[in-house]
Structures are given as structure tokens and as C-alpha cells.
N, C-alpha and C. Protein backbone atom coordinates (compact mmCIF):
# COMPACT_ATOMS: atom_id res chain seq x y z
N UNK A 1 26.38 -40.31 39.50
CA UNK A 1 25.76 -39.72 38.24
C UNK A 1 25.46 -38.09 38.17
N UNK A 2 26.53 -37.54 37.28
CA UNK A 2 26.62 -36.15 37.63
C UNK A 2 24.55 -35.60 36.66
N UNK A 3 24.46 -34.58 37.38
CA UNK A 3 23.03 -34.10 37.08
C UNK A 3 23.11 -32.61 36.23
N UNK A 4 22.87 -32.44 35.32
CA UNK A 4 23.13 -31.72 34.26
C UNK A 4 22.11 -30.42 35.09
N UNK A 5 22.71 -29.90 35.86
CA UNK A 5 21.80 -28.30 36.20
C UNK A 5 21.97 -27.09 35.69
N UNK A 6 20.84 -26.60 35.21
CA UNK A 6 21.46 -25.01 34.72
C UNK A 6 21.77 -24.00 35.44
N UNK A 7 22.66 -23.61 35.24
CA UNK A 7 22.97 -22.31 36.18
C UNK A 7 22.28 -20.99 35.76
N UNK A 8 21.52 -21.13 35.04
CA UNK A 8 21.04 -19.93 34.03
C UNK A 8 20.04 -19.37 35.28
N UNK A 9 20.13 -18.14 35.86
CA UNK A 9 19.24 -17.29 36.53
C UNK A 9 18.50 -16.82 35.89
N UNK A 10 16.88 -16.92 36.49
CA UNK A 10 15.65 -16.09 35.93
C UNK A 10 15.59 -15.06 36.55
N UNK A 11 15.58 -13.73 35.71
CA UNK A 11 15.20 -12.27 36.26
C UNK A 11 13.96 -12.01 35.71
N UNK A 12 13.68 -10.65 35.99
CA UNK A 12 12.67 -9.95 35.52
C UNK A 12 12.86 -9.58 34.24
N UNK A 13 14.03 -9.38 34.00
CA UNK A 13 14.86 -8.64 32.54
C UNK A 13 15.10 -9.77 31.66
N UNK A 14 15.30 -10.53 32.00
CA UNK A 14 15.47 -11.95 30.89
C UNK A 14 13.80 -12.33 30.47
N UNK A 15 13.00 -12.43 31.28
CA UNK A 15 11.82 -13.29 31.01
C UNK A 15 10.94 -11.81 30.11
N UNK A 16 11.40 -10.41 30.76
CA UNK A 16 10.60 -9.71 29.64
C UNK A 16 11.10 -9.32 28.23
N UNK A 17 12.44 -9.55 28.36
CA UNK A 17 13.19 -9.35 27.15
C UNK A 17 12.24 -10.55 26.42
N UNK A 18 12.76 -11.85 26.61
CA UNK A 18 12.48 -13.09 26.11
C UNK A 18 10.93 -12.79 25.34
N UNK A 19 10.30 -12.80 26.48
CA UNK A 19 8.26 -12.26 25.90
C UNK A 19 7.97 -11.01 25.34
N UNK A 20 8.88 -10.04 25.48
CA UNK A 20 9.23 -8.88 24.75
C UNK A 20 9.31 -9.43 23.24
N UNK A 21 10.13 -10.35 23.10
CA UNK A 21 10.48 -10.54 21.53
C UNK A 21 9.32 -11.64 20.91
N UNK A 22 8.54 -12.47 21.56
CA UNK A 22 7.66 -13.25 21.08
C UNK A 22 6.44 -12.05 21.12
N UNK A 23 6.17 -11.17 22.02
CA UNK A 23 5.17 -10.10 21.59
C UNK A 23 5.47 -9.19 20.67
N UNK A 24 6.72 -9.20 20.26
CA UNK A 24 6.84 -8.29 18.68
C UNK A 24 7.01 -8.67 17.54
N UNK A 25 6.75 -10.20 17.39
CA UNK A 25 6.72 -11.05 16.73
C UNK A 25 5.42 -11.23 16.30
N UNK A 26 4.24 -11.79 17.23
CA UNK A 26 3.06 -11.71 17.44
C UNK A 26 2.71 -10.23 16.70
N UNK A 27 3.03 -9.03 17.12
CA UNK A 27 2.37 -7.74 16.49
C UNK A 27 3.02 -7.51 15.47
N UNK A 28 4.21 -7.79 14.58
CA UNK A 28 4.52 -7.57 13.61
C UNK A 28 3.62 -8.46 12.78
N UNK A 29 3.51 -9.68 12.80
CA UNK A 29 2.67 -10.72 11.83
C UNK A 29 1.38 -10.10 11.80
N UNK A 30 0.92 -9.72 13.13
CA UNK A 30 -0.90 -9.17 12.95
C UNK A 30 -1.06 -7.91 12.55
N UNK A 31 0.04 -7.20 12.37
CA UNK A 31 0.33 -5.82 11.21
C UNK A 31 0.48 -6.28 9.94
N UNK A 32 1.50 -6.99 9.67
CA UNK A 32 1.36 -7.45 7.96
C UNK A 32 0.08 -8.10 7.75
N UNK A 33 -0.57 -8.74 8.51
CA UNK A 33 -1.62 -9.71 7.95
C UNK A 33 -2.85 -8.71 7.62
N UNK A 34 -3.22 -7.94 8.68
CA UNK A 34 -3.88 -6.32 8.59
C UNK A 34 -3.54 -5.65 7.11
N UNK A 35 -2.47 -5.11 6.98
CA UNK A 35 -1.85 -4.31 6.25
C UNK A 35 -2.39 -5.02 4.75
N UNK A 36 -1.40 -6.21 4.68
CA UNK A 36 -1.65 -7.04 3.15
C UNK A 36 -3.10 -7.18 2.75
N UNK A 37 -4.14 -7.45 3.90
CA UNK A 37 -5.35 -7.51 3.98
C UNK A 37 -6.41 -6.33 3.06
N UNK A 38 -5.59 -5.40 3.23
CA UNK A 38 -5.72 -3.87 3.00
C UNK A 38 -6.80 -3.06 3.93
N UNK A 39 -6.50 -3.82 5.25
CA UNK A 39 -7.32 -2.64 6.50
C UNK A 39 -6.11 -1.85 6.89
N UNK A 40 -6.82 -1.33 7.79
CA UNK A 40 -6.32 -0.39 8.53
C UNK A 40 -5.84 -0.87 9.86
N UNK A 41 -4.52 -1.32 9.63
CA UNK A 41 -3.53 -1.56 10.92
C UNK A 41 -4.10 -0.67 12.47
N UNK A 42 -4.24 0.57 12.03
CA UNK A 42 -4.35 1.39 13.22
C UNK A 42 -5.57 1.52 13.62
N UNK A 43 -6.68 1.16 13.10
CA UNK A 43 -8.10 0.99 13.43
C UNK A 43 -7.94 0.50 15.27
N UNK A 44 -8.68 0.89 16.02
CA UNK A 44 -8.88 0.53 17.33
C UNK A 44 -9.58 -0.68 17.52
N UNK A 45 -10.42 -0.84 16.81
CA UNK A 45 -11.65 -1.70 16.77
C UNK A 45 -10.72 -3.10 16.24
N UNK A 46 -9.75 -3.42 15.31
CA UNK A 46 -8.82 -4.16 15.36
C UNK A 46 -7.93 -4.47 16.20
N UNK A 47 -7.69 -3.35 16.85
CA UNK A 47 -6.94 -3.43 18.02
C UNK A 47 -7.02 -4.09 19.49
N UNK A 48 -8.40 -4.34 19.37
CA UNK A 48 -8.91 -4.80 20.32
C UNK A 48 -9.12 -6.32 20.35
N UNK A 49 -8.83 -6.85 19.04
CA UNK A 49 -8.09 -8.34 18.76
C UNK A 49 -6.87 -8.62 19.55
N UNK A 50 -6.10 -7.79 19.59
CA UNK A 50 -4.79 -8.39 20.00
C UNK A 50 -4.73 -8.14 21.57
N UNK A 51 -5.90 -7.61 22.29
CA UNK A 51 -5.99 -7.66 23.56
C UNK A 51 -5.65 -8.59 24.31
N UNK A 52 -6.30 -9.62 24.01
CA UNK A 52 -6.70 -11.49 24.91
C UNK A 52 -5.31 -11.98 24.81
N UNK A 53 -4.78 -12.02 23.12
CA UNK A 53 -3.47 -12.46 22.97
C UNK A 53 -2.29 -11.50 23.76
N UNK A 54 -2.24 -10.48 23.78
CA UNK A 54 -1.31 -9.93 24.54
C UNK A 54 -1.72 -10.51 26.11
N UNK A 55 -2.54 -10.35 26.57
CA UNK A 55 -2.55 -11.09 27.97
C UNK A 55 -2.32 -12.61 28.48
N UNK A 56 -2.71 -13.44 27.20
CA UNK A 56 -2.04 -14.53 27.20
C UNK A 56 -0.55 -14.56 27.13
N UNK A 57 -0.25 -13.51 26.63
CA UNK A 57 1.42 -13.58 26.59
C UNK A 57 1.97 -13.30 27.63
N UNK A 58 1.31 -12.28 28.27
CA UNK A 58 1.70 -11.82 29.67
C UNK A 58 1.49 -13.19 30.62
N UNK A 59 0.39 -13.59 30.69
CA UNK A 59 0.19 -14.54 31.55
C UNK A 59 1.28 -15.66 31.56
N UNK A 60 1.68 -16.42 29.96
CA UNK A 60 2.65 -17.25 30.12
C UNK A 60 4.14 -16.49 30.46
N UNK A 61 4.51 -15.18 30.28
CA UNK A 61 5.59 -14.44 31.06
C UNK A 61 5.75 -14.64 32.23
N UNK A 62 4.46 -14.88 33.07
CA UNK A 62 4.36 -14.71 34.56
C UNK A 62 4.79 -16.07 34.87
N UNK A 63 4.02 -16.63 34.19
CA UNK A 63 3.96 -18.64 34.88
C UNK A 63 5.75 -18.71 34.16
N UNK A 64 6.49 -18.47 33.21
CA UNK A 64 7.74 -18.53 33.07
C UNK A 64 8.70 -18.21 33.78
N UNK A 65 8.51 -17.06 34.35
CA UNK A 65 9.13 -16.76 35.59
C UNK A 65 9.02 -17.43 37.00
N UNK A 66 7.72 -17.76 37.29
CA UNK A 66 7.67 -18.40 38.53
C UNK A 66 8.12 -19.87 38.50
N UNK A 67 7.97 -20.50 37.27
CA UNK A 67 8.15 -22.03 37.19
C UNK A 67 9.71 -21.92 37.18
N UNK A 68 10.79 -20.84 36.57
CA UNK A 68 11.91 -21.12 36.55
C UNK A 68 12.88 -20.17 37.44
N UNK A 69 11.95 -19.74 38.91
CA UNK A 69 12.57 -19.35 39.74
C UNK A 69 12.10 -20.39 41.01
N UNK A 70 12.02 -19.42 42.05
CA UNK A 70 11.71 -20.10 43.55
C UNK A 70 10.28 -20.55 43.50
N UNK A 71 9.09 -20.15 42.25
CA UNK A 71 7.76 -20.24 42.08
C UNK A 71 6.80 -19.32 42.50
N UNK A 72 7.77 -17.92 42.94
CA UNK A 72 7.02 -17.00 43.42
C UNK A 72 7.10 -15.57 42.42
N UNK A 73 6.46 -14.64 42.67
CA UNK A 73 6.57 -13.72 41.68
C UNK A 73 5.92 -12.25 42.65
N UNK A 74 6.34 -11.21 43.04
CA UNK A 74 6.16 -10.41 43.63
C UNK A 74 5.27 -9.28 42.65
N UNK A 75 4.51 -8.63 43.08
CA UNK A 75 3.59 -7.50 42.22
C UNK A 75 4.50 -6.55 41.33
N UNK A 76 5.55 -6.02 41.98
CA UNK A 76 6.42 -5.45 41.55
C UNK A 76 7.05 -5.89 40.25
N UNK A 77 7.91 -7.26 40.24
CA UNK A 77 8.12 -8.14 39.85
C UNK A 77 7.40 -8.21 38.20
N UNK A 78 5.92 -8.65 38.78
CA UNK A 78 4.58 -8.83 37.48
C UNK A 78 5.03 -7.53 36.52
N UNK A 79 4.85 -6.52 37.29
CA UNK A 79 4.86 -5.08 36.43
C UNK A 79 6.15 -4.80 35.90
N UNK A 80 7.42 -5.18 36.47
CA UNK A 80 8.47 -5.37 35.54
C UNK A 80 8.39 -6.27 34.66
N UNK A 81 8.53 -6.88 34.40
CA UNK A 81 8.31 -8.01 33.26
C UNK A 81 7.55 -7.70 32.45
N UNK A 82 6.09 -7.30 32.27
CA UNK A 82 5.32 -6.52 31.81
C UNK A 82 5.69 -5.28 31.02
N UNK A 83 6.27 -4.34 31.93
CA UNK A 83 6.42 -3.18 31.22
C UNK A 83 7.83 -3.26 30.12
N UNK A 84 8.90 -4.07 30.39
CA UNK A 84 9.87 -4.41 29.88
C UNK A 84 9.57 -5.17 28.56
N UNK A 85 8.49 -5.83 28.65
CA UNK A 85 7.81 -6.64 27.52
C UNK A 85 6.97 -5.81 26.58
N UNK A 86 6.67 -4.82 27.18
CA UNK A 86 5.65 -3.93 26.53
C UNK A 86 6.88 -2.73 25.52
N UNK A 87 7.76 -2.60 26.47
CA UNK A 87 8.82 -1.61 25.92
C UNK A 87 9.54 -2.26 24.73
N UNK A 88 10.25 -3.62 24.76
CA UNK A 88 10.83 -4.17 23.75
C UNK A 88 9.86 -4.37 22.65
N UNK A 89 8.97 -4.87 23.03
CA UNK A 89 7.68 -5.19 22.09
C UNK A 89 7.53 -3.43 20.95
N UNK A 90 7.11 -2.85 21.72
CA UNK A 90 7.08 -1.73 21.33
C UNK A 90 8.37 -0.79 20.02
N UNK A 91 9.34 -0.94 20.74
CA UNK A 91 10.48 -0.61 19.88
C UNK A 91 10.31 -1.27 18.67
N UNK A 92 10.32 -2.62 18.60
CA UNK A 92 10.57 -3.67 17.65
C UNK A 92 9.03 -3.44 16.47
N UNK A 93 8.51 -3.45 16.94
CA UNK A 93 6.98 -3.52 16.41
C UNK A 93 6.52 -2.30 15.90
N UNK A 94 6.70 -1.19 16.53
CA UNK A 94 7.26 0.10 16.23
C UNK A 94 7.87 0.70 15.11
N UNK A 95 9.06 0.42 14.97
CA UNK A 95 9.97 0.63 14.20
C UNK A 95 9.62 0.08 12.79
N UNK A 96 9.34 -1.14 13.12
CA UNK A 96 9.06 -2.16 11.74
C UNK A 96 7.70 -1.37 11.15
N UNK A 97 6.47 -1.52 12.07
CA UNK A 97 5.46 -0.58 11.45
C UNK A 97 5.85 0.65 10.80
N UNK A 98 6.53 2.00 11.27
CA UNK A 98 6.81 2.92 10.81
C UNK A 98 7.90 2.68 9.63
N UNK A 99 8.66 1.84 9.56
CA UNK A 99 9.25 1.90 8.18
C UNK A 99 8.43 0.69 7.28
N UNK A 100 7.67 0.50 7.43
CA UNK A 100 6.35 -0.33 6.31
C UNK A 100 5.47 0.80 6.16
N UNK A 101 4.90 1.68 7.06
CA UNK A 101 3.83 2.33 7.02
C UNK A 101 4.14 3.73 6.32
N UNK A 102 5.59 3.89 6.43
CA UNK A 102 5.84 5.31 5.86
C UNK A 102 6.88 5.26 4.51
N UNK A 103 7.57 3.83 4.31
CA UNK A 103 8.63 3.90 3.64
C UNK A 103 8.17 2.60 2.65
N UNK A 104 7.90 1.44 2.77
CA UNK A 104 7.68 0.40 1.84
C UNK A 104 6.44 0.55 1.04
N UNK A 105 5.04 0.85 2.30
CA UNK A 105 3.82 0.91 1.83
C UNK A 105 3.02 2.03 2.09
N UNK A 106 3.40 3.23 1.71
CA UNK A 106 2.89 4.24 2.65
C UNK A 106 0.85 4.56 2.37
N UNK A 107 0.62 3.40 1.60
CA UNK A 107 -0.70 3.52 1.28
C UNK A 107 -1.19 3.18 2.54
N UNK A 108 -0.71 2.61 3.54
CA UNK A 108 -0.84 2.05 4.82
C UNK A 108 -1.80 3.24 5.53
N UNK A 109 -0.69 4.51 5.20
CA UNK A 109 -1.10 5.52 6.47
C UNK A 109 -2.19 6.35 5.61
N UNK A 110 -2.28 6.06 4.75
CA UNK A 110 -3.60 6.72 3.54
C UNK A 110 -4.37 6.51 3.77
N UNK A 111 -4.44 4.98 4.05
CA UNK A 111 -5.57 4.42 4.82
C UNK A 111 -6.06 5.01 6.16
N UNK A 112 -5.45 5.49 6.59
CA UNK A 112 -5.57 5.76 8.06
C UNK A 112 -6.05 6.88 8.40
N UNK A 113 -5.32 7.80 7.08
CA UNK A 113 -5.64 9.27 7.19
C UNK A 113 -7.20 9.14 6.47
N UNK A 114 -7.43 8.76 5.97
CA UNK A 114 -8.81 9.02 5.02
C UNK A 114 -9.94 8.30 5.80
N UNK A 115 -9.82 7.24 6.83
CA UNK A 115 -10.71 7.01 7.75
C UNK A 115 -10.55 7.86 9.00
N UNK A 116 -9.74 8.37 9.36
CA UNK A 116 -9.84 9.67 9.85
C UNK A 116 -10.45 10.85 9.72
N UNK A 117 -10.47 11.32 8.78
CA UNK A 117 -11.13 12.22 7.64
C UNK A 117 -12.59 11.73 7.50
N UNK A 118 -13.16 10.86 7.29
CA UNK A 118 -13.99 10.06 7.52
C UNK A 118 -15.16 10.55 8.54
N UNK A 119 -14.37 9.86 9.52
CA UNK A 119 -14.82 10.25 10.92
C UNK A 119 -15.21 11.41 11.14
N UNK A 120 -14.50 12.40 10.94
CA UNK A 120 -14.48 13.49 11.28
C UNK A 120 -15.58 14.48 10.11
N UNK A 121 -15.49 14.21 9.48
CA UNK A 121 -16.77 14.91 8.35
C UNK A 121 -18.26 13.81 8.92
N UNK A 122 -18.10 12.53 9.46
CA UNK A 122 -19.53 12.42 10.05
C UNK A 122 -19.72 13.00 11.04
N UNK A 123 -18.80 13.54 12.00
CA UNK A 123 -19.38 14.46 13.16
C UNK A 123 -19.21 16.03 13.09
N UNK A 124 -19.41 16.09 11.19
CA UNK A 124 -19.77 17.26 11.15
C UNK A 124 -18.68 18.65 11.52
N UNK A 125 -17.65 18.42 11.53
CA UNK A 125 -16.76 19.11 12.09
C UNK A 125 -16.21 20.30 11.06
N UNK A 126 -15.99 21.50 11.18
CA UNK A 126 -15.84 22.12 10.37
C UNK A 126 -14.16 21.98 9.63
N UNK A 127 -14.40 22.88 8.44
CA UNK A 127 -12.78 22.35 7.72
C UNK A 127 -11.94 22.79 8.37
N UNK A 128 -12.05 24.12 9.18
CA UNK A 128 -10.86 23.97 9.95
C UNK A 128 -10.38 23.44 10.70
N UNK A 129 -11.22 22.84 11.42
CA UNK A 129 -10.87 21.80 12.58
C UNK A 129 -10.88 20.47 12.08
N UNK A 130 -11.20 19.79 10.76
CA UNK A 130 -10.69 18.82 10.06
C UNK A 130 -9.06 18.94 9.78
N UNK A 131 -8.66 20.58 9.49
CA UNK A 131 -7.75 20.56 8.76
C UNK A 131 -6.04 20.70 9.66
N UNK A 132 -6.85 21.27 11.43
CA UNK A 132 -6.35 21.28 12.04
C UNK A 132 -5.55 20.11 12.81
N UNK A 133 -6.92 19.31 12.58
CA UNK A 133 -6.43 17.58 13.11
C UNK A 133 -5.88 16.78 12.42
N UNK A 134 -6.21 16.85 10.92
CA UNK A 134 -4.92 16.41 10.35
C UNK A 134 -3.75 16.61 10.41
N UNK A 135 -3.15 17.72 10.34
CA UNK A 135 -2.06 18.32 10.55
C UNK A 135 -1.28 17.75 11.97
N UNK A 136 -2.05 17.81 13.36
CA UNK A 136 -1.50 17.05 14.78
C UNK A 136 -1.35 15.61 14.20
N UNK A 137 -2.64 15.16 13.95
CA UNK A 137 -1.95 13.67 13.60
C UNK A 137 -1.19 13.40 12.64
N UNK A 138 -1.06 14.38 11.46
CA UNK A 138 0.21 13.90 10.50
C UNK A 138 2.15 13.73 11.21
N UNK A 139 1.64 15.03 11.86
CA UNK A 139 2.90 15.47 13.18
C UNK A 139 3.21 14.71 13.92
N UNK A 140 2.48 14.32 14.59
CA UNK A 140 2.34 13.27 16.19
C UNK A 140 1.67 12.00 16.37
N UNK A 141 1.66 11.41 14.80
CA UNK A 141 1.14 10.46 15.06
C UNK A 141 2.03 8.96 15.81
N UNK A 142 3.13 9.00 15.31
CA UNK A 142 4.08 8.01 16.09
C UNK A 142 4.40 8.08 17.50
N UNK A 143 4.25 9.45 17.58
CA UNK A 143 4.65 10.16 19.28
C UNK A 143 3.51 9.32 19.89
N UNK A 144 2.06 9.71 19.66
CA UNK A 144 0.77 8.92 20.19
C UNK A 144 1.26 7.27 20.03
N UNK A 145 1.47 7.09 18.96
CA UNK A 145 1.40 5.55 18.98
C UNK A 145 2.20 5.08 19.93
N UNK A 146 3.46 5.15 20.23
CA UNK A 146 4.39 4.93 21.45
C UNK A 146 3.99 5.58 22.40
N UNK A 147 3.17 6.23 22.99
CA UNK A 147 2.69 6.81 24.43
C UNK A 147 1.56 5.98 24.43
N UNK A 148 0.28 6.00 23.67
CA UNK A 148 -0.24 5.14 23.47
C UNK A 148 -0.07 3.28 23.68
N UNK A 149 0.67 2.96 22.98
CA UNK A 149 1.26 1.68 23.40
C UNK A 149 1.57 1.15 24.74
N UNK A 150 2.87 2.24 25.44
CA UNK A 150 3.09 1.78 26.86
C UNK A 150 2.19 2.15 27.83
N UNK A 151 1.30 3.10 27.32
CA UNK A 151 0.08 3.39 28.24
C UNK A 151 -0.75 2.55 28.31
N UNK A 152 -1.04 1.60 27.08
CA UNK A 152 -1.86 0.37 27.19
C UNK A 152 -1.27 -0.73 27.72
N UNK A 153 0.28 -0.65 27.64
CA UNK A 153 0.99 -1.86 28.29
C UNK A 153 0.66 -2.03 29.62
N UNK A 154 1.36 -1.14 30.10
CA UNK A 154 1.33 -0.96 31.46
C UNK A 154 -0.41 -0.89 32.38
N UNK A 155 -1.25 -0.37 32.01
CA UNK A 155 -2.71 -0.75 32.30
C UNK A 155 -2.86 -2.04 32.30
N UNK A 156 -2.45 -2.72 31.36
CA UNK A 156 -2.89 -4.37 31.38
C UNK A 156 -1.87 -4.84 32.10
N UNK A 157 -0.58 -4.47 32.53
CA UNK A 157 0.23 -5.16 33.46
C UNK A 157 -0.34 -4.66 34.90
N UNK A 158 -0.38 -3.63 35.07
CA UNK A 158 -1.47 -3.36 36.52
C UNK A 158 -2.51 -4.25 36.65
N UNK A 159 -3.93 -4.50 35.90
CA UNK A 159 -4.74 -5.55 36.25
C UNK A 159 -3.87 -7.28 36.39
N UNK A 160 -3.27 -7.41 35.18
CA UNK A 160 -2.84 -9.00 34.89
C UNK A 160 -2.12 -9.31 35.95
N UNK A 161 -1.23 -8.52 36.56
CA UNK A 161 -0.31 -9.18 37.78
C UNK A 161 -1.43 -9.13 38.46
N UNK A 162 -2.00 -8.45 39.44
CA UNK A 162 -2.86 -8.27 40.39
C UNK A 162 -3.34 -10.29 40.80
N UNK A 163 -3.92 -10.38 39.30
CA UNK A 163 -4.28 -12.33 39.16
C UNK A 163 -2.90 -13.17 39.18
N UNK A 164 -1.79 -12.42 39.02
CA UNK A 164 -0.76 -13.56 38.25
C UNK A 164 0.35 -13.40 39.15
N UNK A 165 0.31 -12.77 40.20
CA UNK A 165 1.20 -12.79 41.32
C UNK A 165 1.26 -13.87 42.43
N UNK A 166 1.96 -14.22 43.02
CA UNK A 166 2.78 -14.96 43.87
C UNK A 166 3.45 -14.57 44.92
N UNK A 167 2.91 -14.21 45.88
CA UNK A 167 3.52 -13.81 47.23
C UNK A 167 3.93 -14.91 47.76
N UNK A 168 5.72 -14.69 48.26
CA UNK A 168 6.44 -15.57 48.96
C UNK A 168 5.60 -15.60 50.22
N UNK A 169 5.39 -16.44 50.91
CA UNK A 169 5.18 -16.32 52.23
C UNK A 169 5.86 -16.19 53.64
N UNK A 170 7.39 -16.72 53.22
CA UNK A 170 8.70 -16.33 53.90
C UNK A 170 8.63 -15.21 54.40
N UNK A 171 8.35 -14.28 55.48
CA UNK A 171 8.21 -12.87 55.51
C UNK A 171 9.78 -12.09 55.67
N UNK A 172 10.94 -13.28 55.77
CA UNK A 172 11.81 -12.65 55.45
C UNK A 172 12.69 -12.65 53.69
N UNK A 173 11.72 -13.33 52.95
CA UNK A 173 12.30 -13.53 51.56
C UNK A 173 12.05 -11.66 51.15
N UNK A 174 13.03 -10.92 50.26
CA UNK A 174 13.12 -9.83 49.85
C UNK A 174 13.00 -10.39 47.83
N UNK A 175 12.02 -9.72 47.32
CA UNK A 175 12.22 -9.65 46.04
C UNK A 175 12.50 -8.65 45.30
């Protein structure tokens, strides 16, 4: 009797891409729900809600890698999966967020800028300081969004992978 065996080789890249797409779908749906509810999707407090969900998705990616491969995952492989996931998710969800907030519903950005303005005023910043901060924010917001997203994803990867790695006990094994 012939066994149906898959020749698909699991790689850091394949798992990172697959779970990066899953993370992107989650991020887009979360962004839309928050935006359509009239809230500021760029509010850091709301972003904290996404951290546990992102961790769960990363843990599932690491589990998938180990289960589909030889059962092991080095620290470097875990970091590679997480960074690729973050990059894929950030590109897809970031482009969606950009087009939605800048073209489809610019009121999303206005809510963000209004919240920033209120925060600066509550800190008794001078008019010139506020004007400079608003100009810098408007000019570099999407760059800060991308850098912050990659930095946050990388930090999450560094921490989570400590707990999800499973080193191969065979000293001759090269990851």
C-alpha cells in the first residue's frame, strides 16, 4: 500500500510568510474594527490589546515549524520566523492602513492628530513646540510606524523565542 507523504519541506521562510499573512489579516481586521468604531487605531493603549494576540500567533508559528520539521527549532530559526512574520505583516497591514487612513477615510488621521494635539496641550507645551511636533509627526508618521512596528516585533521575537526554542541535542546537527 502506498503512503501519501508530503515532500514539502518546512523552512523558516515558509512558516514566516504563512504566519505573517495570518498576522496581517488579524491586523487589518483589528484596524478596521477600531476605525469603524470611531476610535483612534493608532492609540498606543489600543495597541496593547494586540500584543497578546501577536504573541499567540508567534507561538503557533514556532509550534508549526517544530511539528512540521524535525521537532526542533534553534533560537536563530525562531527569531528568523518572527522577524519575517513581522515584516510581511507590517508591509501588508501597513499599506492597507496607509491607503485607508490617507485616502479612503482621512478622518482617521485627523482623530490621531487631534489626540496628539490634546496631549501636547495638556502638557502645557508652547505653541511653537506644538506646531513643530505636529509638523514632524505629519511628515514622518508612516516612517515611525514602520520602524516602531519592526522594533516591537523584533523585541517580541527576542523574548518569545527564548521560551519556544527547542535545541537539537545532537551536537553534529547544524541549524
